[in-house]
Amino acid sequence: MTTVFLAEKQCFACGSKSQYPLVDLNLSIIGPRDLDGRPSLIQRSSVYLWVQRCYCCGYCAPEITQGNNDDLEVIDSPEYQKQLNDPDFPETANTFLCHSMIMTNSELFADAGWAKVFAAWICDDNGYKEAAIKCRRMAFQCFTRAKANNQDFGETPSLEKLYLIDILRRSGDLTQAAALCDKELENTHDEQIINLLCYEQELIDNSDCGCHSTTEAEDEEL
């Protein structure tokens, strides 16, 4: 059972108080995931509650009561304020993208990348195709910077490669996705990873830039 409730919180940046929705996952959610890691069932829609926005000052964070002083400089910047209400993206996607800017300023590139991936999911849900592509391309850049700074963004190095391949494929960057996929198929991975890589390769060969799940990959294997 999943319970959504409201709690009054004070914004770290400006001190204003407001009600914020929270999610309490009382049971573990099981089921297929998308190839880019998006969970299924109830957790799939709870992504909208993974970030909070202060409507007084525009501060965006997973926990609105927490932050550091460097964050304050970012939220006052023209770039941040423009992104906050960019009409080319859904509102919640803008919230994630603003949080990503804060994470980038703190050189937390893995967190910044995932915030952009989450923004892409919001764009997917609301039919913002070009915005979703833009978010994924920015996420790829963040994850590349993360690895250059020894920051992990996946549970294992193999899954990190899979995420990158899927991000490239979903962005329509099929040539780059194919090159990375072919390279990884030459490396040693466990059977599950190999099967997922083979499924990604098939999707790329078919110029399929759509959303697919790990369950589909398993069915394909059968």
N, C-alpha and C. Protein backbone atom coordinates (compact mmCIF):
# COMPACT_ATOMS: atom_id res chain seq x y z
N MET A 1 0.84 -1.20 0.00
CA MET A 1 0.00 0.00 0.00
C MET A 1 0.88 1.24 0.00
N THR A 2 0.51 2.22 -0.81
CA THR A 2 1.25 3.48 -0.88
C THR A 2 0.38 4.61 -0.39
N THR A 3 0.88 5.36 0.57
CA THR A 3 0.13 6.47 1.14
C THR A 3 0.81 7.78 0.79
N VAL A 4 0.04 8.71 0.24
CA VAL A 4 0.54 10.04 -0.04
C VAL A 4 -0.07 11.00 0.97
N PHE A 5 0.76 11.78 1.64
CA PHE A 5 0.25 12.71 2.63
C PHE A 5 1.04 14.01 2.55
N LEU A 6 0.52 15.05 3.21
CA LEU A 6 1.14 16.37 3.18
C LEU A 6 1.82 16.66 4.50
N ALA A 7 2.91 17.42 4.43
CA ALA A 7 3.61 17.85 5.63
C ALA A 7 4.08 19.29 5.43
N GLU A 8 3.97 20.09 6.49
CA GLU A 8 4.46 21.47 6.41
C GLU A 8 5.97 21.48 6.55
N LYS A 9 6.63 22.17 5.64
CA LYS A 9 8.09 22.26 5.68
C LYS A 9 8.52 23.69 5.42
N GLN A 10 9.72 24.00 5.93
CA GLN A 10 10.28 25.34 5.77
C GLN A 10 11.39 25.30 4.72
N CYS A 11 11.29 26.16 3.74
CA CYS A 11 12.27 26.21 2.66
C CYS A 11 13.65 26.61 3.20
N PHE A 12 14.66 25.84 2.83
CA PHE A 12 16.03 26.14 3.25
C PHE A 12 16.48 27.50 2.72
N ALA A 13 16.07 27.84 1.51
CA ALA A 13 16.59 29.04 0.86
C ALA A 13 15.98 30.33 1.37
N CYS A 14 14.65 30.35 1.52
CA CYS A 14 13.99 31.61 1.88
C CYS A 14 13.26 31.57 3.21
N GLY A 15 13.08 30.39 3.78
CA GLY A 15 12.44 30.28 5.08
C GLY A 15 10.93 30.24 5.05
N SER A 16 10.33 30.32 3.87
CA SER A 16 8.87 30.27 3.80
C SER A 16 8.37 28.85 4.08
N LYS A 17 7.17 28.75 4.61
CA LYS A 17 6.59 27.46 4.95
C LYS A 17 5.44 27.13 4.01
N SER A 18 5.35 25.86 3.67
CA SER A 18 4.27 25.41 2.79
C SER A 18 4.05 23.91 2.97
N GLN A 19 2.97 23.42 2.40
CA GLN A 19 2.65 22.00 2.46
C GLN A 19 3.27 21.28 1.25
N TYR A 20 3.91 20.15 1.52
CA TYR A 20 4.53 19.38 0.44
C TYR A 20 4.04 17.94 0.50
N PRO A 21 3.72 17.37 -0.67
CA PRO A 21 3.30 15.96 -0.69
C PRO A 21 4.48 15.04 -0.46
N LEU A 22 4.25 13.99 0.29
CA LEU A 22 5.27 12.99 0.56
C LEU A 22 4.72 11.63 0.19
N VAL A 23 5.61 10.69 -0.06
CA VAL A 23 5.20 9.33 -0.40
C VAL A 23 5.76 8.37 0.62
N ASP A 24 4.92 7.50 1.13
CA ASP A 24 5.35 6.47 2.08
C ASP A 24 5.13 5.11 1.41
N LEU A 25 6.21 4.48 0.98
CA LEU A 25 6.11 3.16 0.35
C LEU A 25 6.21 2.10 1.43
N ASN A 26 5.07 1.57 1.86
CA ASN A 26 5.06 0.59 2.94
C ASN A 26 5.48 -0.79 2.49
N LEU A 27 5.33 -1.07 1.19
CA LEU A 27 5.71 -2.37 0.67
C LEU A 27 6.71 -2.19 -0.46
N SER A 28 7.59 -3.15 -0.60
CA SER A 28 8.53 -3.11 -1.70
C SER A 28 7.77 -3.27 -3.01
N ILE A 29 8.13 -2.45 -3.96
CA ILE A 29 7.50 -2.54 -5.27
C ILE A 29 8.36 -3.40 -6.17
N ILE A 30 7.76 -4.44 -6.74
CA ILE A 30 8.50 -5.31 -7.64
C ILE A 30 7.86 -5.24 -9.01
N GLY A 31 8.64 -5.58 -10.01
CA GLY A 31 8.12 -5.56 -11.36
C GLY A 31 9.18 -5.12 -12.34
N PRO A 32 8.84 -5.09 -13.61
CA PRO A 32 9.82 -4.72 -14.63
C PRO A 32 10.23 -3.26 -14.53
N ARG A 33 11.42 -3.00 -15.01
CA ARG A 33 11.91 -1.63 -15.13
C ARG A 33 12.15 -1.32 -16.60
N ASP A 34 12.07 -0.05 -16.93
CA ASP A 34 12.49 0.35 -18.26
C ASP A 34 14.00 0.16 -18.38
N LEU A 35 14.49 0.13 -19.59
CA LEU A 35 15.92 -0.08 -19.80
C LEU A 35 16.77 1.06 -19.26
N ASP A 36 16.15 2.22 -19.04
CA ASP A 36 16.90 3.34 -18.44
C ASP A 36 16.68 3.43 -16.93
N GLY A 37 16.09 2.37 -16.35
CA GLY A 37 15.97 2.30 -14.90
C GLY A 37 14.66 2.75 -14.31
N ARG A 38 13.74 3.28 -15.12
CA ARG A 38 12.48 3.76 -14.54
C ARG A 38 11.68 2.59 -13.99
N PRO A 39 11.25 2.68 -12.73
CA PRO A 39 10.51 1.58 -12.11
C PRO A 39 9.09 1.46 -12.64
N SER A 40 8.46 0.36 -12.28
CA SER A 40 7.10 0.09 -12.75
C SER A 40 6.09 0.39 -11.65
N LEU A 41 4.83 0.16 -11.99
CA LEU A 41 3.72 0.23 -11.04
C LEU A 41 3.66 1.57 -10.32
N ILE A 42 3.44 1.55 -9.01
CA ILE A 42 3.20 2.78 -8.26
C ILE A 42 4.42 3.69 -8.27
N GLN A 43 5.61 3.11 -8.15
CA GLN A 43 6.81 3.93 -8.14
C GLN A 43 7.00 4.68 -9.45
N ARG A 44 6.41 4.19 -10.51
CA ARG A 44 6.55 4.85 -11.81
C ARG A 44 5.97 6.26 -11.77
N SER A 45 4.81 6.40 -11.16
CA SER A 45 4.17 7.71 -11.11
C SER A 45 4.66 8.56 -9.94
N SER A 46 5.28 7.94 -8.95
CA SER A 46 5.75 8.72 -7.80
C SER A 46 6.93 9.61 -8.13
N VAL A 47 7.50 9.47 -9.33
CA VAL A 47 8.61 10.32 -9.74
C VAL A 47 8.23 11.80 -9.63
N TYR A 48 6.95 12.10 -9.78
CA TYR A 48 6.50 13.49 -9.69
C TYR A 48 6.69 14.06 -8.28
N LEU A 49 6.88 13.19 -7.31
CA LEU A 49 7.04 13.64 -5.92
C LEU A 49 8.48 13.52 -5.44
N TRP A 50 9.40 13.20 -6.33
CA TRP A 50 10.79 13.00 -5.93
C TRP A 50 11.56 14.31 -5.78
N VAL A 51 10.94 15.42 -6.13
CA VAL A 51 11.60 16.72 -6.00
C VAL A 51 10.55 17.73 -5.54
N GLN A 52 10.98 18.68 -4.73
CA GLN A 52 10.08 19.69 -4.18
C GLN A 52 10.51 21.08 -4.66
N ARG A 53 9.52 21.95 -4.89
CA ARG A 53 9.80 23.31 -5.34
C ARG A 53 9.17 24.31 -4.39
N CYS A 54 9.95 25.30 -3.99
CA CYS A 54 9.40 26.40 -3.21
C CYS A 54 8.83 27.42 -4.18
N TYR A 55 7.54 27.71 -4.07
CA TYR A 55 6.91 28.64 -5.00
C TYR A 55 7.09 30.09 -4.57
N CYS A 56 7.81 30.30 -3.47
CA CYS A 56 8.15 31.66 -3.07
C CYS A 56 9.47 32.12 -3.71
N CYS A 57 10.49 31.23 -3.65
CA CYS A 57 11.81 31.63 -4.16
C CYS A 57 12.29 30.78 -5.33
N GLY A 58 11.66 29.62 -5.56
CA GLY A 58 12.06 28.78 -6.67
C GLY A 58 13.10 27.72 -6.34
N TYR A 59 13.45 27.58 -5.07
CA TYR A 59 14.43 26.56 -4.69
C TYR A 59 13.85 25.18 -4.98
N CYS A 60 14.66 24.29 -5.58
CA CYS A 60 14.21 22.95 -5.95
C CYS A 60 15.17 21.91 -5.37
N ALA A 61 14.63 20.96 -4.62
CA ALA A 61 15.46 19.94 -3.98
C ALA A 61 14.59 18.75 -3.60
N PRO A 62 15.19 17.57 -3.47
CA PRO A 62 14.42 16.41 -3.00
C PRO A 62 13.86 16.62 -1.60
N GLU A 63 14.61 17.35 -0.78
CA GLU A 63 14.17 17.72 0.57
C GLU A 63 14.32 19.23 0.70
N ILE A 64 13.19 19.93 0.68
CA ILE A 64 13.18 21.39 0.60
C ILE A 64 13.82 22.06 1.82
N THR A 65 13.92 21.33 2.92
CA THR A 65 14.48 21.92 4.14
C THR A 65 16.00 21.86 4.18
N GLN A 66 16.61 21.19 3.21
CA GLN A 66 18.06 20.98 3.24
C GLN A 66 18.74 21.65 2.05
N GLY A 67 20.01 22.01 2.25
CA GLY A 67 20.80 22.62 1.18
C GLY A 67 22.08 23.19 1.74
N ASN A 68 22.78 23.95 0.92
CA ASN A 68 23.97 24.66 1.40
C ASN A 68 23.98 26.06 0.80
N ASN A 69 24.83 26.91 1.33
CA ASN A 69 24.81 28.31 0.94
C ASN A 69 25.15 28.53 -0.53
N ASP A 70 25.93 27.62 -1.12
CA ASP A 70 26.25 27.76 -2.54
C ASP A 70 25.00 27.64 -3.41
N ASP A 71 24.00 26.92 -2.90
CA ASP A 71 22.75 26.76 -3.65
C ASP A 71 22.07 28.10 -3.88
N LEU A 72 22.22 29.01 -2.93
CA LEU A 72 21.52 30.29 -2.99
C LEU A 72 21.99 31.12 -4.18
N GLU A 73 23.29 31.00 -4.51
CA GLU A 73 23.82 31.74 -5.65
C GLU A 73 23.21 31.22 -6.96
N VAL A 74 22.99 29.92 -7.02
CA VAL A 74 22.46 29.32 -8.25
C VAL A 74 21.02 29.75 -8.49
N ILE A 75 20.19 29.71 -7.45
CA ILE A 75 18.76 29.99 -7.67
C ILE A 75 18.50 31.45 -8.02
N ASP A 76 19.44 32.33 -7.72
CA ASP A 76 19.29 33.74 -8.08
C ASP A 76 19.80 34.05 -9.48
N SER A 77 20.42 33.07 -10.13
CA SER A 77 21.01 33.31 -11.45
C SER A 77 19.92 33.42 -12.52
N PRO A 78 20.16 34.22 -13.56
CA PRO A 78 19.17 34.34 -14.64
C PRO A 78 18.89 33.00 -15.33
N GLU A 79 19.92 32.16 -15.46
CA GLU A 79 19.75 30.86 -16.12
C GLU A 79 18.78 29.97 -15.34
N TYR A 80 18.93 29.98 -14.03
CA TYR A 80 18.06 29.17 -13.17
C TYR A 80 16.62 29.67 -13.24
N GLN A 81 16.45 30.98 -13.13
CA GLN A 81 15.11 31.55 -13.14
C GLN A 81 14.42 31.33 -14.48
N LYS A 82 15.20 31.34 -15.56
CA LYS A 82 14.62 31.07 -16.88
C LYS A 82 14.17 29.62 -16.97
N GLN A 83 15.00 28.69 -16.47
CA GLN A 83 14.65 27.27 -16.52
C GLN A 83 13.43 26.97 -15.66
N LEU A 84 13.28 27.69 -14.58
CA LEU A 84 12.22 27.43 -13.62
C LEU A 84 10.84 27.46 -14.27
N ASN A 85 10.69 28.34 -15.25
CA ASN A 85 9.38 28.49 -15.91
C ASN A 85 9.49 28.37 -17.43
N ASP A 86 10.41 27.55 -17.89
CA ASP A 86 10.61 27.38 -19.33
C ASP A 86 9.38 26.69 -19.94
N PRO A 87 8.69 27.36 -20.86
CA PRO A 87 7.46 26.77 -21.44
C PRO A 87 7.72 25.57 -22.33
N ASP A 88 8.97 25.31 -22.67
CA ASP A 88 9.29 24.17 -23.52
C ASP A 88 9.31 22.85 -22.75
N PHE A 89 9.15 22.92 -21.42
CA PHE A 89 9.18 21.73 -20.58
C PHE A 89 7.97 21.73 -19.64
N PRO A 90 7.49 20.56 -19.23
CA PRO A 90 6.45 20.50 -18.19
C PRO A 90 7.00 21.08 -16.88
N GLU A 91 6.10 21.53 -16.02
CA GLU A 91 6.53 22.19 -14.78
C GLU A 91 7.44 21.30 -13.93
N THR A 92 7.05 20.04 -13.73
CA THR A 92 7.86 19.17 -12.89
C THR A 92 9.21 18.88 -13.53
N ALA A 93 9.26 18.82 -14.85
CA ALA A 93 10.54 18.65 -15.53
C ALA A 93 11.44 19.86 -15.27
N ASN A 94 10.86 21.06 -15.32
CA ASN A 94 11.64 22.26 -14.99
C ASN A 94 12.18 22.19 -13.56
N THR A 95 11.37 21.66 -12.65
CA THR A 95 11.81 21.54 -11.26
C THR A 95 13.01 20.61 -11.16
N PHE A 96 12.95 19.47 -11.84
CA PHE A 96 14.10 18.56 -11.85
C PHE A 96 15.33 19.20 -12.50
N LEU A 97 15.12 19.92 -13.59
CA LEU A 97 16.24 20.54 -14.29
C LEU A 97 16.89 21.62 -13.45
N CYS A 98 16.10 22.34 -12.68
CA CYS A 98 16.66 23.35 -11.77
C CYS A 98 17.46 22.67 -10.66
N HIS A 99 16.92 21.57 -10.14
CA HIS A 99 17.68 20.82 -9.13
C HIS A 99 18.99 20.31 -9.74
N SER A 100 18.95 19.90 -10.99
CA SER A 100 20.15 19.44 -11.67
C SER A 100 21.19 20.55 -11.76
N MET A 101 20.75 21.77 -11.99
CA MET A 101 21.68 22.90 -12.04
C MET A 101 22.37 23.10 -10.69
N ILE A 102 21.62 22.92 -9.62
CA ILE A 102 22.20 23.04 -8.28
C ILE A 102 23.23 21.94 -8.05
N MET A 103 22.90 20.72 -8.45
CA MET A 103 23.83 19.61 -8.29
C MET A 103 25.09 19.81 -9.13
N THR A 104 24.93 20.33 -10.32
CA THR A 104 26.09 20.59 -11.18
C THR A 104 26.99 21.64 -10.55
N ASN A 105 26.39 22.66 -9.97
CA ASN A 105 27.18 23.70 -9.30
C ASN A 105 27.99 23.12 -8.14
N SER A 106 27.46 22.08 -7.50
CA SER A 106 28.16 21.41 -6.40
C SER A 106 29.08 20.29 -6.90
N GLU A 107 29.18 20.16 -8.23
CA GLU A 107 30.01 19.13 -8.88
C GLU A 107 29.55 17.72 -8.52
N LEU A 108 28.27 17.56 -8.27
CA LEU A 108 27.67 16.25 -8.04
C LEU A 108 27.03 15.81 -9.35
N PHE A 109 27.88 15.39 -10.27
CA PHE A 109 27.44 15.18 -11.65
C PHE A 109 26.53 13.97 -11.81
N ALA A 110 26.72 12.94 -10.99
CA ALA A 110 25.83 11.77 -11.07
C ALA A 110 24.41 12.16 -10.68
N ASP A 111 24.28 12.89 -9.57
CA ASP A 111 22.95 13.35 -9.13
C ASP A 111 22.34 14.29 -10.17
N ALA A 112 23.18 15.15 -10.74
CA ALA A 112 22.69 16.07 -11.77
C ALA A 112 22.17 15.30 -12.98
N GLY A 113 22.89 14.24 -13.35
CA GLY A 113 22.46 13.43 -14.49
C GLY A 113 21.14 12.74 -14.26
N TRP A 114 20.96 12.16 -13.07
CA TRP A 114 19.70 11.48 -12.79
C TRP A 114 18.53 12.46 -12.74
N ALA A 115 18.78 13.66 -12.23
CA ALA A 115 17.71 14.67 -12.22
C ALA A 115 17.26 14.97 -13.65
N LYS A 116 18.20 14.98 -14.58
CA LYS A 116 17.85 15.21 -15.98
C LYS A 116 17.12 14.01 -16.58
N VAL A 117 17.52 12.80 -16.19
CA VAL A 117 16.79 11.61 -16.64
C VAL A 117 15.35 11.65 -16.12
N PHE A 118 15.19 12.01 -14.84
CA PHE A 118 13.84 12.10 -14.27
C PHE A 118 13.01 13.14 -15.02
N ALA A 119 13.65 14.25 -15.39
CA ALA A 119 12.97 15.27 -16.18
C ALA A 119 12.52 14.70 -17.52
N ALA A 120 13.36 13.85 -18.11
CA ALA A 120 13.01 13.22 -19.39
C ALA A 120 11.78 12.34 -19.22
N TRP A 121 11.69 11.62 -18.11
CA TRP A 121 10.52 10.77 -17.87
C TRP A 121 9.24 11.61 -17.81
N ILE A 122 9.34 12.75 -17.14
CA ILE A 122 8.18 13.65 -17.06
C ILE A 122 7.79 14.13 -18.45
N CYS A 123 8.79 14.47 -19.25
CA CYS A 123 8.53 14.90 -20.63
C CYS A 123 7.88 13.77 -21.43
N ASP A 124 8.37 12.55 -21.25
CA ASP A 124 7.76 11.39 -21.93
C ASP A 124 6.27 11.29 -21.60
N ASP A 125 5.96 11.39 -20.33
CA ASP A 125 4.58 11.22 -19.87
C ASP A 125 3.64 12.27 -20.46
N ASN A 126 4.18 13.45 -20.72
CA ASN A 126 3.34 14.58 -21.14
C ASN A 126 3.47 14.92 -22.62
N GLY A 127 4.13 14.05 -23.37
CA GLY A 127 4.20 14.23 -24.82
C GLY A 127 5.16 15.30 -25.30
N TYR A 128 6.14 15.66 -24.48
CA TYR A 128 7.15 16.65 -24.87
C TYR A 128 8.35 15.90 -25.46
N LYS A 129 8.20 15.44 -26.69
CA LYS A 129 9.21 14.57 -27.30
C LYS A 129 10.57 15.24 -27.43
N GLU A 130 10.61 16.43 -28.00
CA GLU A 130 11.88 17.12 -28.21
C GLU A 130 12.52 17.50 -26.88
N ALA A 131 11.71 17.88 -25.91
CA ALA A 131 12.24 18.23 -24.59
C ALA A 131 12.85 17.00 -23.93
N ALA A 132 12.21 15.83 -24.10
CA ALA A 132 12.74 14.59 -23.53
C ALA A 132 14.10 14.26 -24.13
N ILE A 133 14.23 14.44 -25.44
CA ILE A 133 15.51 14.20 -26.10
C ILE A 133 16.58 15.13 -25.55
N LYS A 134 16.23 16.39 -25.38
CA LYS A 134 17.19 17.36 -24.85
C LYS A 134 17.63 16.97 -23.44
N CYS A 135 16.68 16.55 -22.61
CA CYS A 135 17.01 16.14 -21.24
C CYS A 135 17.96 14.95 -21.24
N ARG A 136 17.71 13.99 -22.11
CA ARG A 136 18.57 12.80 -22.14
C ARG A 136 19.97 13.14 -22.63
N ARG A 137 20.07 14.02 -23.60
CA ARG A 137 21.39 14.40 -24.09
C ARG A 137 22.17 15.14 -23.01
N MET A 138 21.48 15.97 -22.25
CA MET A 138 22.15 16.64 -21.14
C MET A 138 22.54 15.65 -20.05
N ALA A 139 21.69 14.65 -19.82
CA ALA A 139 22.00 13.61 -18.83
C ALA A 139 23.24 12.84 -19.23
N PHE A 140 23.36 12.52 -20.51
CA PHE A 140 24.54 11.80 -21.00
C PHE A 140 25.80 12.60 -20.70
N GLN A 141 25.75 13.89 -20.93
CA GLN A 141 26.91 14.75 -20.64
C GLN A 141 27.24 14.75 -19.16
N CYS A 142 26.22 14.80 -18.32
CA CYS A 142 26.44 14.78 -16.87
C CYS A 142 27.07 13.46 -16.42
N PHE A 143 26.56 12.35 -16.94
CA PHE A 143 27.10 11.05 -16.55
C PHE A 143 28.54 10.88 -17.04
N THR A 144 28.84 11.44 -18.20
CA THR A 144 30.22 11.40 -18.70
C THR A 144 31.14 12.18 -17.77
N ARG A 145 30.68 13.33 -17.31
CA ARG A 145 31.47 14.11 -16.35
C ARG A 145 31.57 13.39 -15.01
N ALA A 146 30.51 12.68 -14.65
CA ALA A 146 30.54 11.93 -13.39
C ALA A 146 31.65 10.89 -13.41
N LYS A 147 31.73 10.12 -14.49
CA LYS A 147 32.76 9.08 -14.57
C LYS A 147 34.15 9.70 -14.61
N ALA A 148 34.29 10.85 -15.26
CA ALA A 148 35.58 11.53 -15.31
C ALA A 148 36.02 11.99 -13.93
N ASN A 149 35.04 12.15 -13.03
CA ASN A 149 35.33 12.58 -11.66
C ASN A 149 35.15 11.44 -10.65
N ASN A 150 35.19 10.20 -11.16
CA ASN A 150 35.10 9.01 -10.30
C ASN A 150 33.81 8.96 -9.48
N GLN A 151 32.72 9.41 -10.08
CA GLN A 151 31.41 9.36 -9.43
C GLN A 151 30.57 8.28 -10.12
N ASP A 152 30.12 7.30 -9.35
CA ASP A 152 29.27 6.24 -9.89
C ASP A 152 27.84 6.74 -10.05
N PHE A 153 27.19 6.32 -11.12
CA PHE A 153 25.78 6.69 -11.31
C PHE A 153 24.89 5.48 -11.50
N GLY A 154 25.45 4.28 -11.38
CA GLY A 154 24.68 3.05 -11.49
C GLY A 154 25.11 2.04 -10.47
N GLU A 155 24.30 1.00 -10.31
CA GLU A 155 24.61 -0.02 -9.31
C GLU A 155 25.91 -0.74 -9.60
N THR A 156 26.23 -0.94 -10.88
CA THR A 156 27.46 -1.58 -11.31
C THR A 156 27.97 -0.88 -12.56
N PRO A 157 29.26 -1.03 -12.89
CA PRO A 157 29.77 -0.44 -14.13
C PRO A 157 29.03 -0.94 -15.37
N SER A 158 28.63 -2.20 -15.37
CA SER A 158 27.91 -2.76 -16.52
C SER A 158 26.55 -2.08 -16.70
N LEU A 159 25.85 -1.86 -15.60
CA LEU A 159 24.56 -1.18 -15.69
C LEU A 159 24.74 0.27 -16.12
N GLU A 160 25.82 0.90 -15.70
CA GLU A 160 26.09 2.26 -16.14
C GLU A 160 26.20 2.31 -17.66
N LYS A 161 26.90 1.35 -18.25
CA LYS A 161 27.02 1.31 -19.71
C LYS A 161 25.66 1.10 -20.37
N LEU A 162 24.85 0.23 -19.78
CA LEU A 162 23.51 0.00 -20.32
C LEU A 162 22.67 1.27 -20.28
N TYR A 163 22.75 1.99 -19.17
CA TYR A 163 22.01 3.24 -19.06
C TYR A 163 22.46 4.22 -20.14
N LEU A 164 23.76 4.33 -20.35
CA LEU A 164 24.28 5.25 -21.37
C LEU A 164 23.80 4.86 -22.76
N ILE A 165 23.84 3.57 -23.05
CA ILE A 165 23.39 3.09 -24.36
C ILE A 165 21.91 3.42 -24.57
N ASP A 166 21.11 3.18 -23.53
CA ASP A 166 19.67 3.43 -23.67
C ASP A 166 19.38 4.93 -23.79
N ILE A 167 20.12 5.74 -23.05
CA ILE A 167 19.94 7.19 -23.15
C ILE A 167 20.25 7.66 -24.56
N LEU A 168 21.34 7.15 -25.14
CA LEU A 168 21.69 7.52 -26.51
C LEU A 168 20.63 7.05 -27.50
N ARG A 169 20.16 5.82 -27.32
CA ARG A 169 19.13 5.28 -28.23
C ARG A 169 17.85 6.08 -28.14
N ARG A 170 17.40 6.38 -26.92
CA ARG A 170 16.17 7.14 -26.73
C ARG A 170 16.30 8.57 -27.25
N SER A 171 17.54 9.07 -27.31
CA SER A 171 17.79 10.41 -27.83
C SER A 171 17.87 10.43 -29.35
N GLY A 172 17.87 9.24 -29.97
CA GLY A 172 18.00 9.17 -31.41
C GLY A 172 19.43 9.19 -31.91
N ASP A 173 20.37 9.14 -30.98
CA ASP A 173 21.79 9.13 -31.34
C ASP A 173 22.22 7.68 -31.58
N LEU A 174 21.69 7.09 -32.64
CA LEU A 174 21.81 5.65 -32.86
C LEU A 174 23.22 5.21 -33.22
N THR A 175 23.95 6.03 -33.96
CA THR A 175 25.31 5.66 -34.34
C THR A 175 26.20 5.55 -33.11
N GLN A 176 26.09 6.53 -32.22
CA GLN A 176 26.88 6.51 -30.99
C GLN A 176 26.43 5.37 -30.08
N ALA A 177 25.13 5.14 -30.02
CA ALA A 177 24.60 4.05 -29.20
C ALA A 177 25.09 2.70 -29.71
N ALA A 178 25.09 2.52 -31.03
CA ALA A 178 25.54 1.26 -31.62
C ALA A 178 27.01 1.02 -31.34
N ALA A 179 27.82 2.07 -31.45
CA ALA A 179 29.26 1.92 -31.22
C ALA A 179 29.54 1.50 -29.78
N LEU A 180 28.84 2.13 -28.83
CA LEU A 180 29.05 1.79 -27.42
C LEU A 180 28.53 0.39 -27.12
N CYS A 181 27.40 0.03 -27.72
CA CYS A 181 26.83 -1.30 -27.50
C CYS A 181 27.75 -2.38 -28.05
N ASP A 182 28.26 -2.18 -29.26
CA ASP A 182 29.17 -3.15 -29.87
C ASP A 182 30.43 -3.32 -29.02
N LYS A 183 30.93 -2.21 -28.51
CA LYS A 183 32.13 -2.26 -27.67
C LYS A 183 31.89 -3.08 -26.41
N GLU A 184 30.73 -2.87 -25.78
CA GLU A 184 30.43 -3.59 -24.54
C GLU A 184 30.17 -5.07 -24.79
N LEU A 185 29.65 -5.41 -25.96
CA LEU A 185 29.42 -6.82 -26.28
C LEU A 185 30.73 -7.58 -26.46
N GLU A 186 31.81 -6.85 -26.67
CA GLU A 186 33.13 -7.48 -26.77
C GLU A 186 33.75 -7.71 -25.39
N ASN A 187 33.18 -7.08 -24.38
CA ASN A 187 33.70 -7.20 -23.01
C ASN A 187 33.00 -8.34 -22.27
N THR A 188 33.54 -8.67 -21.11
CA THR A 188 32.98 -9.74 -20.29
C THR A 188 31.90 -9.19 -19.37
N HIS A 189 30.71 -9.77 -19.45
CA HIS A 189 29.58 -9.38 -18.59
C HIS A 189 28.84 -10.65 -18.20
N ASP A 190 27.99 -10.54 -17.17
CA ASP A 190 27.18 -11.70 -16.82
C ASP A 190 26.07 -11.88 -17.86
N GLU A 191 25.41 -13.02 -17.80
CA GLU A 191 24.44 -13.39 -18.84
C GLU A 191 23.30 -12.39 -18.96
N GLN A 192 22.81 -11.89 -17.82
CA GLN A 192 21.70 -10.94 -17.86
C GLN A 192 22.09 -9.66 -18.60
N ILE A 193 23.29 -9.16 -18.33
CA ILE A 193 23.75 -7.95 -19.00
C ILE A 193 23.92 -8.19 -20.49
N ILE A 194 24.49 -9.33 -20.84
CA ILE A 194 24.66 -9.66 -22.26
C ILE A 194 23.32 -9.69 -22.98
N ASN A 195 22.31 -10.28 -22.34
CA ASN A 195 20.98 -10.35 -22.95
C ASN A 195 20.40 -8.95 -23.15
N LEU A 196 20.60 -8.08 -22.18
CA LEU A 196 20.10 -6.71 -22.30
C LEU A 196 20.85 -5.95 -23.39
N LEU A 197 22.15 -6.18 -23.48
CA LEU A 197 22.94 -5.54 -24.53
C LEU A 197 22.49 -6.01 -25.92
N CYS A 198 22.22 -7.30 -26.04
CA CYS A 198 21.75 -7.84 -27.31
C CYS A 198 20.39 -7.25 -27.69
N TYR A 199 19.53 -7.05 -26.68
CA TYR A 199 18.22 -6.46 -26.94
C TYR A 199 18.37 -5.00 -27.37
N GLU A 200 19.26 -4.28 -26.70
CA GLU A 200 19.54 -2.90 -27.10
C GLU A 200 20.06 -2.87 -28.55
N GLN A 201 20.94 -3.80 -28.87
CA GLN A 201 21.50 -3.85 -30.23
C GLN A 201 20.39 -4.06 -31.26
N GLU A 202 19.45 -4.94 -30.94
CA GLU A 202 18.33 -5.19 -31.85
C GLU A 202 17.48 -3.94 -32.03
N LEU A 203 17.20 -3.25 -30.93
CA LEU A 203 16.41 -2.02 -31.01
C LEU A 203 17.12 -0.96 -31.84
N ILE A 204 18.42 -0.84 -31.65
CA ILE A 204 19.20 0.13 -32.41
C ILE A 204 19.19 -0.21 -33.89
N ASP A 205 19.37 -1.48 -34.22
CA ASP A 205 19.36 -1.92 -35.62
C ASP A 205 18.03 -1.62 -36.29
N ASN A 206 16.95 -1.64 -35.49
CA ASN A 206 15.61 -1.36 -36.02
C ASN A 206 15.25 0.13 -35.93
N SER A 207 16.22 0.96 -35.55
CA SER A 207 15.99 2.41 -35.39
C SER A 207 14.83 2.68 -34.44
N ASP A 208 14.72 1.86 -33.42
CA ASP A 208 13.66 1.98 -32.42
C ASP A 208 14.15 2.87 -31.29
N CYS A 209 13.56 4.05 -31.16
CA CYS A 209 13.95 5.00 -30.12
C CYS A 209 12.94 5.05 -28.98
N GLY A 210 12.05 4.08 -28.94
CA GLY A 210 10.98 4.09 -27.95
C GLY A 210 11.36 3.51 -26.61
N CYS A 211 10.39 3.55 -25.70
CA CYS A 211 10.57 3.03 -24.34
C CYS A 211 10.36 1.52 -24.33
N HIS A 212 11.30 0.81 -23.72
CA HIS A 212 11.20 -0.65 -23.60
C HIS A 212 11.66 -1.07 -22.21
N SER A 213 11.19 -2.23 -21.78
CA SER A 213 11.47 -2.69 -20.42
C SER A 213 12.37 -3.92 -20.41
N THR A 214 12.88 -4.22 -19.23
CA THR A 214 13.71 -5.41 -19.06
C THR A 214 12.89 -6.68 -19.29
N THR A 215 11.60 -6.62 -19.00
CA THR A 215 10.73 -7.77 -19.25
C THR A 215 10.64 -8.08 -20.74
N GLU A 216 10.57 -7.05 -21.56
CA GLU A 216 10.54 -7.26 -23.00
C GLU A 216 11.82 -7.94 -23.47
N ALA A 217 12.94 -7.55 -22.87
CA ALA A 217 14.21 -8.18 -23.22
C ALA A 217 14.20 -9.65 -22.85
N GLU A 218 13.62 -9.97 -21.70
CA GLU A 218 13.54 -11.36 -21.26
C GLU A 218 12.62 -12.17 -22.18
N ASP A 219 11.51 -11.56 -22.59
CA ASP A 219 10.58 -12.24 -23.50
C ASP A 219 11.24 -12.49 -24.86
N GLU A 220 12.05 -11.53 -25.29
CA GLU A 220 12.74 -11.65 -26.57
C GLU A 220 13.71 -12.83 -26.53
N GLU A 221 14.33 -13.02 -25.37
CA GLU A 221 15.28 -14.11 -25.20
C GLU A 221 14.59 -15.46 -25.37
N LEU A 222 13.34 -15.54 -24.85
CA LEU A 222 12.58 -16.78 -24.96
C LEU A 222 12.17 -17.06 -26.41
